Amino acid sequence: MKERNNHIIGFKTYVIVWLCLLILTVLTVAVSGMKLGMSGSLTSVIIATLKASLILLFFMHLKYERFLITAMLLLTVMTIAVIIGLTFFDVWYRY
């Protein structure tokens, strides 16, 4: 029987990731108040992507998973990113 590797992430790493998430949240709120137009929305999406990446890597332990699971998740995220990008182009084309 194969033994499964359990990865233990230190408390310090969790605190650092949590602080990064707080900083990114403050940055999101600051960007929303700047009224940047279309680039404001794009900036918010980029910040949200960074936050989701941190959560997936450290809190959901994706950093320690095998390549196949990571590749499947990246394919899913890229598909969603393309769909969101096409939506942005559609809105941009209309206005």
Foldseek 3Di string as FASTA:
>chain_A
DDDDDDDDDDPVLVVVLVVVLVVLVVVLVVLVVVCPDLVSVVVNVVSVVVNVVSCCVPVVVPVPDDPVVVVVVVVVVVVVVVVVVVVSVVVVVVD
